[in-house]
Amino acid sequence: MSNIILIGFMGCGKSSIGRFMARNGYRLVDTDSVIEKDAGRTIKEIFADEGEEYFRRKETDILMELIQREEDNLVVAVGGGLPMHARNRALIHKLGVVVYLRAKVDTLAWRLRNDTVRPLLQTGNPRQKIAELMEKRSSTYEGTADVIIDTDGCSYEKVYSMICLLYTSPSPRD
């Protein structure tokens, strides 16, 4: 399939880049938005009422549905924790080219400084939580990605042009 799957930590730009790409011919599927719409509740409410595992199962369900549809020209922005599950890593590779939008902890902390909706950041020290989670997740993100793009200080246009340039190159998994 000729799709682009955006992975990375919350605040790295997956949804924003996805929306930018949607204005340039792709159809955006933001897994967090799909889950919220289907549930009629926010992610924060889903985490509180059903727990994280329930949420993660819903992410997997969306990936399986997208694979069954066999659509092309999608940009899929996935939740930051989605690639942490081996089954999801296999599924996103069935969907298309996996692009890791990487950002430094300080950049993420700055971008997320006013966030009040992400359940994992509702703590006394969000920067420390970001650093802890990034330490756990970064090697998985890197190992899952076909392409890695550093987003620190980059405009949407620059990230988009890098994706387009790298996307036309052969995938290392081909």
Foldseek 3Di string as FASTA:
>chain_A
DAEEEEEEAPQLQLVVLQVVVVVVQAAEDELQVVVCVVVVHHPLVCCVPPNDVVSLVSQVVVLVVLLVVPDHRHYYYYHHCNLVDVSSLVSVVSVHAYEYRDEDLVSSCVSCVPPDRDVQQPDPDSSVSSVVVCVVCVVSSVVSHQYYDYCVPHDSVVVVVVCVVVSPDDGPVD
